[in-house]
Amino acid sequence: MSGILNSSIGRKFAMALSALFLMVFLLQHFAINILSVFSPDAFNEASHFMGTFWAVQYLLQPVLIFGVIFHFVMGFVLEIRNNKARQISYAKNNGAANSTWMSRNMIWSGLAILAFIVLHFIDFWLPEINTKYIEGDMTGLLPNGDFRYYEELTHKFVNPIRVGAYVLAFVFLALHLLHGFNSAFQSVGANNKYTKGLKGFSKIYAIGIPLGFIFIALFHHFNH
């Protein structure tokens, strides 16, 4: 593993794999959250299953946390290592004119997304860990006997400042994905006859998923 990460191609390949893994998770996360718009009961059931099923909690959750940390650390490493080479290339080839705004500013959109993830962890993940593993309450129930997940979700979207931060973060996520999705597939070798189809799908994903999360936040904000 260390040998792979010592080469530029290996680092880009590892970065691409972590990106694809996180994009699959993002799709799954959206699929559960959108249930809160159409069926609070279905959202509660899905959230309780994901929050208590042993394979999710003790296998997938650690892998996800590692994937998030790895992706951002590797992104910063690649940015630092490529910075000098990029500056030389821009000076010779006017790289700013030959590349998109998204590709030149991935580090900044990545930092904005990282800040959002920290906020998201503070809002949801840390309280969840505290309730289940420190307080020892795995029932997922409120004192009145109802599941707590839907109420907790909608409560977070009452504050307009928090909602604004979420919306802005997902705008940055869309910009990040517009370049990162195609880049990830190219890094793993998917640059053949399927490239045109992947570009179309990447635009739908990069715009549709963040827009969906924005819709969820605004829906609950204006309907609380």
Protein backbone atom coordinates (compact mmCIF):
# COMPACT_ATOMS: atom_id res chain seq x y z
CA MET A 1 0.00 0.00 0.00
CA SER A 2 2.78 2.43 0.89
CA GLY A 3 4.48 1.61 -2.41
CA ILE A 4 1.35 2.56 -4.34
CA LEU A 5 0.99 5.83 -2.47
CA ASN A 6 4.62 6.74 -3.17
CA SER A 7 3.90 7.20 -6.88
CA SER A 8 1.88 10.04 -8.41
CA ILE A 9 -0.30 7.63 -10.39
CA GLY A 10 -0.85 5.47 -7.32
CA ARG A 11 -1.92 8.44 -5.21
CA LYS A 12 -4.36 9.62 -7.88
CA PHE A 13 -5.76 6.09 -8.21
CA ALA A 14 -6.24 5.79 -4.43
CA MET A 15 -7.81 9.24 -4.36
CA ALA A 16 -10.22 8.22 -7.12
CA LEU A 17 -11.25 5.02 -5.34
CA SER A 18 -11.97 6.90 -2.12
CA ALA A 19 -13.98 9.47 -4.10
CA LEU A 20 -16.09 6.77 -5.78
CA PHE A 21 -16.70 5.10 -2.41
CA LEU A 22 -17.85 8.42 -0.88
CA MET A 23 -20.12 9.11 -3.86
CA VAL A 24 -21.84 5.75 -3.34
CA PHE A 25 -22.31 6.60 0.34
CA LEU A 26 -23.66 10.05 -0.56
CA LEU A 27 -26.28 8.45 -2.81
CA GLN A 28 -27.31 6.05 -0.05
CA HIS A 29 -27.44 8.89 2.48
CA PHE A 30 -29.67 10.91 0.16
CA ALA A 31 -31.97 7.94 -0.44
CA ILE A 32 -32.65 7.71 3.30
CA ASN A 33 -32.93 11.47 3.93
CA ILE A 34 -35.40 12.05 1.09
CA LEU A 35 -37.78 9.67 2.88
CA SER A 36 -38.20 12.37 5.53
CA VAL A 37 -40.03 14.50 2.96
CA PHE A 38 -42.51 11.82 1.92
CA SER A 39 -42.86 9.54 4.95
CA PRO A 40 -41.60 10.35 8.46
CA ASP A 41 -42.36 6.78 9.52
CA ALA A 42 -40.28 5.30 6.69
CA PHE A 43 -37.45 7.71 7.51
CA ASN A 44 -37.58 6.71 11.18
CA GLU A 45 -37.51 3.02 10.34
CA ALA A 46 -34.62 3.36 7.89
CA SER A 47 -32.64 5.58 10.28
CA HIS A 48 -33.17 3.17 13.18
CA PHE A 49 -32.02 0.23 11.08
CA MET A 50 -28.89 2.05 9.90
CA GLY A 51 -28.20 3.26 13.44
CA THR A 52 -28.49 -0.12 15.15
CA PHE A 53 -27.58 -2.83 12.62
CA TRP A 54 -24.24 -4.24 13.75
CA ALA A 55 -22.67 -4.47 10.26
CA VAL A 56 -23.39 -0.80 9.58
CA GLN A 57 -22.20 0.37 12.99
CA TYR A 58 -19.08 -1.75 13.45
CA LEU A 59 -17.96 -2.43 9.87
CA LEU A 60 -19.27 0.16 7.43
CA GLN A 61 -19.14 3.17 9.75
CA PRO A 62 -15.41 2.82 10.56
CA VAL A 63 -14.70 2.27 6.85
CA LEU A 64 -16.67 5.41 6.03
CA ILE A 65 -14.81 7.52 8.60
CA PHE A 66 -11.49 6.20 7.29
CA GLY A 67 -12.61 6.94 3.71
CA VAL A 68 -13.50 10.54 4.56
CA ILE A 69 -10.21 11.17 6.37
CA PHE A 70 -8.17 9.42 3.67
CA HIS A 71 -9.86 11.33 0.84
CA PHE A 72 -9.22 14.75 2.36
CA VAL A 73 -5.69 13.98 3.53
CA MET A 74 -4.79 12.57 0.11
CA GLY A 75 -6.37 15.60 -1.55
CA PHE A 76 -4.17 17.95 0.46
CA VAL A 77 -1.10 15.81 -0.24
CA LEU A 78 -1.77 15.87 -3.98
CA GLU A 79 -2.37 19.63 -3.89
CA ILE A 80 0.90 20.30 -2.08
CA ARG A 81 2.96 17.94 -4.27
CA ASN A 82 1.49 19.24 -7.52
CA ASN A 83 1.50 22.93 -6.68
CA LYS A 84 4.96 23.74 -8.03
CA ALA A 85 4.48 21.66 -11.16
CA ARG A 86 1.11 23.29 -11.76
CA GLN A 87 2.57 26.78 -11.49
CA ILE A 88 5.27 25.95 -14.03
CA SER A 89 2.70 24.41 -16.36
CA TYR A 90 0.44 27.47 -16.12
CA ALA A 91 3.36 29.78 -16.88
CA LYS A 92 4.28 27.82 -20.00
CA ASN A 93 0.87 26.77 -21.28
CA ASN A 94 -1.53 29.30 -19.77
CA GLY A 95 -3.15 26.51 -17.78
CA ALA A 96 -5.80 28.83 -16.36
CA ALA A 97 -7.15 29.24 -19.88
CA ASN A 98 -7.04 25.48 -20.54
CA SER A 99 -8.75 24.28 -17.37
CA THR A 100 -12.07 24.87 -15.68
CA TRP A 101 -12.65 26.95 -12.57
CA MET A 102 -13.71 23.79 -10.73
CA SER A 103 -10.49 21.93 -11.49
CA ARG A 104 -8.33 24.88 -10.40
CA ASN A 105 -10.21 25.36 -7.13
CA MET A 106 -10.86 21.79 -5.95
CA ILE A 107 -8.86 22.46 -2.78
CA TRP A 108 -11.14 25.37 -1.80
CA SER A 109 -14.38 23.57 -2.51
CA GLY A 110 -12.90 20.61 -0.63
CA LEU A 111 -12.18 22.80 2.40
CA ALA A 112 -15.74 24.13 2.35
CA ILE A 113 -17.08 20.56 2.24
CA LEU A 114 -14.76 19.56 5.08
CA ALA A 115 -16.11 22.42 7.19
CA PHE A 116 -19.63 21.18 6.44
CA ILE A 117 -18.73 17.63 7.44
CA VAL A 118 -17.45 18.93 10.78
CA LEU A 119 -20.74 20.80 11.26
CA HIS A 120 -22.69 17.70 10.23
CA PHE A 121 -20.77 15.56 12.72
CA ILE A 122 -21.49 18.07 15.49
CA ASP A 123 -25.16 18.26 14.53
CA PHE A 124 -25.93 14.57 14.06
CA TRP A 125 -23.11 12.05 14.46
CA LEU A 126 -21.71 13.10 17.85
CA PRO A 127 -25.15 13.36 19.53
CA GLU A 128 -26.01 9.96 18.04
CA ILE A 129 -22.84 8.39 19.41
CA ASN A 130 -23.48 10.01 22.79
CA THR A 131 -27.06 8.71 22.96
CA LYS A 132 -26.26 5.15 21.89
CA TYR A 133 -22.85 4.40 23.36
CA ILE A 134 -22.43 6.79 26.31
CA GLU A 135 -25.99 7.02 27.57
CA GLY A 136 -26.61 3.45 26.44
CA ASP A 137 -29.96 4.15 24.75
CA MET A 138 -30.24 2.01 21.61
CA THR A 139 -34.04 2.16 21.42
CA GLY A 140 -34.17 5.28 19.25
CA LEU A 141 -37.32 6.32 21.10
CA LEU A 142 -38.58 9.54 22.62
CA PRO A 143 -40.29 9.55 26.03
CA ASN A 144 -43.68 9.45 24.25
CA GLY A 145 -42.72 6.21 22.49
CA ASP A 146 -42.15 7.66 19.01
CA PHE A 147 -38.88 7.33 17.14
CA ARG A 148 -36.66 10.39 17.62
CA TYR A 149 -34.92 10.56 14.21
CA TYR A 150 -37.47 12.61 12.28
CA GLU A 151 -37.94 15.08 15.13
CA GLU A 152 -34.18 15.53 15.48
CA LEU A 153 -33.77 16.08 11.74
CA THR A 154 -36.50 18.69 11.45
CA HIS A 155 -35.32 20.47 14.60
CA LYS A 156 -31.89 21.04 13.03
CA PHE A 157 -33.44 22.85 10.08
CA VAL A 158 -35.36 25.45 12.08
CA ASN A 159 -32.40 27.83 12.40
CA PRO A 160 -32.05 29.84 9.13
CA ILE A 161 -28.30 30.33 9.67
CA ARG A 162 -27.73 26.59 9.88
CA VAL A 163 -29.92 26.02 6.82
CA GLY A 164 -27.99 28.67 4.93
CA ALA A 165 -24.71 26.97 5.85
CA TYR A 166 -26.06 23.65 4.61
CA VAL A 167 -27.25 25.15 1.32
CA LEU A 168 -23.90 26.87 0.72
CA ALA A 169 -22.01 23.67 1.53
CA PHE A 170 -24.03 21.69 -1.02
CA VAL A 171 -23.41 24.35 -3.67
CA PHE A 172 -19.68 23.81 -3.08
CA LEU A 173 -20.26 20.06 -3.18
CA ALA A 174 -21.89 20.38 -6.60
CA LEU A 175 -18.92 22.38 -7.90
CA HIS A 176 -16.54 19.82 -6.41
CA LEU A 177 -18.40 16.90 -7.98
CA LEU A 178 -18.68 18.51 -11.41
CA HIS A 179 -14.94 18.05 -11.80
CA GLY A 180 -14.25 15.27 -9.31
CA PHE A 181 -16.72 12.73 -10.69
CA ASN A 182 -15.16 12.62 -14.17
CA SER A 183 -11.67 12.89 -12.74
CA ALA A 184 -12.24 9.87 -10.50
CA PHE A 185 -13.42 7.68 -13.37
CA GLN A 186 -10.54 8.79 -15.57
CA SER A 187 -8.05 7.97 -12.80
CA VAL A 188 -9.31 4.39 -12.61
CA GLY A 189 -9.13 4.01 -16.41
CA ALA A 190 -12.73 4.60 -17.47
CA ASN A 191 -11.81 6.89 -20.36
CA ASN A 192 -12.95 4.72 -23.26
CA LYS A 193 -16.19 4.49 -25.23
CA TYR A 194 -18.19 5.03 -22.04
CA THR A 195 -16.67 8.48 -21.42
CA LYS A 196 -19.52 10.41 -23.08
CA GLY A 197 -22.13 8.53 -21.07
CA LEU A 198 -20.18 9.00 -17.85
CA LYS A 199 -19.94 12.74 -18.45
CA GLY A 200 -23.69 12.96 -18.83
CA PHE A 201 -24.33 10.86 -15.73
CA SER A 202 -21.73 12.81 -13.74
CA LYS A 203 -23.51 16.10 -14.45
CA ILE A 204 -26.84 14.63 -13.37
CA TYR A 205 -25.29 13.25 -10.19
CA ALA A 206 -23.15 16.32 -9.40
CA ILE A 207 -26.10 18.69 -9.70
CA GLY A 208 -29.00 16.43 -8.74
CA ILE A 209 -27.73 15.00 -5.45
CA PRO A 210 -26.66 18.33 -3.87
CA LEU A 211 -29.86 19.93 -5.17
CA GLY A 212 -31.81 17.12 -3.53
CA PHE A 213 -30.14 17.74 -0.17
CA ILE A 214 -30.83 21.47 -0.51
CA PHE A 215 -34.48 20.69 -1.20
CA ILE A 216 -34.67 18.54 1.95
CA ALA A 217 -33.20 21.30 4.12
CA LEU A 218 -35.46 24.01 2.70
CA PHE A 219 -38.53 21.78 2.82
CA HIS A 220 -38.14 21.12 6.53
CA HIS A 221 -37.16 24.72 7.25
CA PHE A 222 -40.32 26.13 5.71
CA ASN A 223 -42.57 23.38 7.08
CA HIS A 224 -41.38 23.09 10.68
